[in-house]
Amino acid sequence: MNKMFPTALLLLSSTISGATFANFTAIECNDCSATAAQQQATKALANQETKSIYVVDFVNYNVKKFKQDGDAVSTTTMTLSENLQVNNHYAHRKVNLRSID
């Protein structure tokens, strides 16, 4: 009985933190040009409700953030926490992605 409350608290906190890390959308575009990455982002953003998307390139070890503003899709600066969030999401690949602005 004494361990029930800490166990429930740990389960609740892991569920909440997992939902926080699952709030982004990323697509892969390996070894593609800036134009191809923007086209992939534009196509993906047209089918989603989110206003931003991350394009991940595992060949060149980089990630770009694209943001939709009206009909225009453009690159935007990533924060350090966003870069860490993407790297944590792809930790199983054992790569360290850097943001490209």
C-alpha atoms as a PDB file:
ATOM      1  CA  MET A   1       0.000   0.000   0.000  1.00  0.00           C
ATOM      2  CA  ASN A   2       2.892   2.362   0.744  1.00  0.00           C
ATOM      3  CA  LYS A   3       4.266   1.995  -2.789  1.00  0.00           C
ATOM      4  CA  MET A   4       0.953   2.507  -4.568  1.00  0.00           C
ATOM      5  CA  PHE A   5       0.975   6.331  -4.424  1.00  0.00           C
ATOM      6  CA  PRO A   6       4.584   6.800  -5.691  1.00  0.00           C
ATOM      7  CA  THR A   7       3.973   4.258  -8.444  1.00  0.00           C
ATOM      8  CA  ALA A   8       0.806   6.033  -9.561  1.00  0.00           C
ATOM      9  CA  LEU A   9       2.595   9.391  -9.447  1.00  0.00           C
ATOM     10  CA  LEU A  10       5.462   8.038 -11.544  1.00  0.00           C
ATOM     11  CA  LEU A  11       3.053   6.561 -14.085  1.00  0.00           C
ATOM     12  CA  LEU A  12       1.117   9.819 -14.330  1.00  0.00           C
ATOM     13  CA  SER A  13       4.245  11.930 -14.757  1.00  0.00           C
ATOM     14  CA  SER A  14       5.635   9.662 -17.476  1.00  0.00           C
ATOM     15  CA  THR A  15       2.321   9.823 -19.341  1.00  0.00           C
ATOM     16  CA  ILE A  16       2.249  13.620 -19.192  1.00  0.00           C
ATOM     17  CA  SER A  17       5.879  13.993 -20.256  1.00  0.00           C
ATOM     18  CA  GLY A  18       5.386  11.505 -23.095  1.00  0.00           C
ATOM     19  CA  ALA A  19       2.502  13.564 -24.427  1.00  0.00           C
ATOM     20  CA  THR A  20       4.674  16.664 -24.320  1.00  0.00           C
ATOM     21  CA  PHE A  21       7.357  15.072 -26.466  1.00  0.00           C
ATOM     22  CA  ALA A  22       4.828  13.755 -28.957  1.00  0.00           C
ATOM     23  CA  ASN A  23       3.593  17.211 -29.966  1.00  0.00           C
ATOM     24  CA  PHE A  24       5.622  17.630 -33.124  1.00  0.00           C
ATOM     25  CA  THR A  25       5.564  16.283 -36.651  1.00  0.00           C
ATOM     26  CA  ALA A  26       8.729  15.290 -38.469  1.00  0.00           C
ATOM     27  CA  ILE A  27       9.275  13.916 -41.953  1.00  0.00           C
ATOM     28  CA  GLU A  28      12.391  12.431 -43.510  1.00  0.00           C
ATOM     29  CA  CYS A  29      14.002  13.878 -46.594  1.00  0.00           C
ATOM     30  CA  ASN A  30      17.445  12.291 -46.801  1.00  0.00           C
ATOM     31  CA  ASP A  31      20.093  14.075 -48.875  1.00  0.00           C
ATOM     32  CA  CYS A  32      17.580  16.405 -50.489  1.00  0.00           C
ATOM     33  CA  SER A  33      18.095  19.997 -51.583  1.00  0.00           C
ATOM     34  CA  ALA A  34      16.587  23.009 -49.826  1.00  0.00           C
ATOM     35  CA  THR A  35      13.921  23.224 -52.527  1.00  0.00           C
ATOM     36  CA  ALA A  36      12.991  19.556 -52.177  1.00  0.00           C
ATOM     37  CA  ALA A  37      12.814  19.883 -48.387  1.00  0.00           C
ATOM     38  CA  GLN A  38      10.499  22.880 -48.698  1.00  0.00           C
ATOM     39  CA  GLN A  39       8.288  21.007 -51.170  1.00  0.00           C
ATOM     40  CA  GLN A  40       8.033  18.057 -48.769  1.00  0.00           C
ATOM     41  CA  ALA A  41       7.170  20.406 -45.906  1.00  0.00           C
ATOM     42  CA  THR A  42       4.555  22.229 -47.983  1.00  0.00           C
ATOM     43  CA  LYS A  43       2.919  18.948 -48.982  1.00  0.00           C
ATOM     44  CA  ALA A  44       2.907  17.656 -45.409  1.00  0.00           C
ATOM     45  CA  LEU A  45       1.583  20.906 -43.934  1.00  0.00           C
ATOM     46  CA  ALA A  46      -1.293  20.953 -46.437  1.00  0.00           C
ATOM     47  CA  ASN A  47      -2.580  17.691 -44.940  1.00  0.00           C
ATOM     48  CA  GLN A  48      -2.234  18.660 -41.257  1.00  0.00           C
ATOM     49  CA  GLU A  49      -3.604  21.047 -38.693  1.00  0.00           C
ATOM     50  CA  THR A  50      -0.187  21.933 -37.264  1.00  0.00           C
ATOM     51  CA  LYS A  51       1.523  25.159 -38.267  1.00  0.00           C
ATOM     52  CA  SER A  52       5.101  23.832 -38.188  1.00  0.00           C
ATOM     53  CA  ILE A  53       6.961  20.718 -39.264  1.00  0.00           C
ATOM     54  CA  TYR A  54      10.515  19.414 -38.985  1.00  0.00           C
ATOM     55  CA  VAL A  55      12.307  18.002 -42.012  1.00  0.00           C
ATOM     56  CA  VAL A  56      14.989  15.537 -40.925  1.00  0.00           C
ATOM     57  CA  ASP A  57      18.012  14.600 -43.056  1.00  0.00           C
ATOM     58  CA  PHE A  58      19.877  11.615 -41.601  1.00  0.00           C
ATOM     59  CA  VAL A  59      22.464  11.553 -44.398  1.00  0.00           C
ATOM     60  CA  ASN A  60      23.712  15.084 -43.672  1.00  0.00           C
ATOM     61  CA  TYR A  61      22.779  14.983 -39.939  1.00  0.00           C
ATOM     62  CA  ASN A  62      20.582  18.071 -39.961  1.00  0.00           C
ATOM     63  CA  VAL A  63      17.031  19.157 -39.279  1.00  0.00           C
ATOM     64  CA  LYS A  64      15.089  22.156 -40.571  1.00  0.00           C
ATOM     65  CA  LYS A  65      11.939  23.688 -39.168  1.00  0.00           C
ATOM     66  CA  PHE A  66       9.327  24.948 -41.593  1.00  0.00           C
ATOM     67  CA  LYS A  67       6.419  27.118 -40.555  1.00  0.00           C
ATOM     68  CA  GLN A  68       3.200  27.842 -42.394  1.00  0.00           C
ATOM     69  CA  ASP A  69       1.955  31.418 -42.403  1.00  0.00           C
ATOM     70  CA  GLY A  70      -1.180  31.612 -44.499  1.00  0.00           C
ATOM     71  CA  ASP A  71      -0.317  29.980 -47.811  1.00  0.00           C
ATOM     72  CA  ALA A  72       3.439  30.568 -47.545  1.00  0.00           C
ATOM     73  CA  VAL A  73       5.778  27.964 -46.060  1.00  0.00           C
ATOM     74  CA  SER A  74       9.232  29.122 -44.997  1.00  0.00           C
ATOM     75  CA  THR A  75      12.127  28.018 -42.808  1.00  0.00           C
ATOM     76  CA  THR A  76      12.286  29.363 -39.315  1.00  0.00           C
ATOM     77  CA  THR A  77      14.846  29.311 -36.543  1.00  0.00           C
ATOM     78  CA  MET A  78      14.708  26.359 -34.170  1.00  0.00           C
ATOM     79  CA  THR A  79      15.200  26.768 -30.452  1.00  0.00           C
ATOM     80  CA  LEU A  80      17.641  24.614 -28.542  1.00  0.00           C
ATOM     81  CA  SER A  81      14.781  22.810 -26.805  1.00  0.00           C
ATOM     82  CA  GLU A  82      13.178  21.963 -30.161  1.00  0.00           C
ATOM     83  CA  ASN A  83      16.482  20.583 -31.423  1.00  0.00           C
ATOM     84  CA  LEU A  84      16.849  18.485 -28.266  1.00  0.00           C
ATOM     85  CA  GLN A  85      13.270  17.278 -28.605  1.00  0.00           C
ATOM     86  CA  VAL A  86      13.884  16.054 -32.164  1.00  0.00           C
ATOM     87  CA  ASN A  87      17.171  14.413 -31.145  1.00  0.00           C
ATOM     88  CA  ASN A  88      15.460  12.668 -28.220  1.00  0.00           C
ATOM     89  CA  HIS A  89      12.750  11.416 -30.550  1.00  0.00           C
ATOM     90  CA  TYR A  90      15.345   9.865 -32.858  1.00  0.00           C
ATOM     91  CA  ALA A  91      17.700   8.671 -30.092  1.00  0.00           C
ATOM     92  CA  HIS A  92      17.277   5.069 -31.260  1.00  0.00           C
ATOM     93  CA  ARG A  93      19.142   5.981 -34.478  1.00  0.00           C
ATOM     94  CA  LYS A  94      22.237   7.026 -32.504  1.00  0.00           C
ATOM     95  CA  VAL A  95      22.680  10.275 -34.472  1.00  0.00           C
ATOM     96  CA  ASN A  96      22.977  13.873 -33.376  1.00  0.00           C
ATOM     97  CA  LEU A  97      21.057  16.185 -35.682  1.00  0.00           C
ATOM     98  CA  ARG A  98      21.918  19.867 -35.854  1.00  0.00           C
ATOM     99  CA  SER A  99      19.522  22.604 -36.861  1.00  0.00           C
ATOM    100  CA  ILE A 100      20.009  24.388 -40.167  1.00  0.00           C
ATOM    101  CA  ASP A 101      18.595  27.895 -40.435  1.00  0.00           C
END
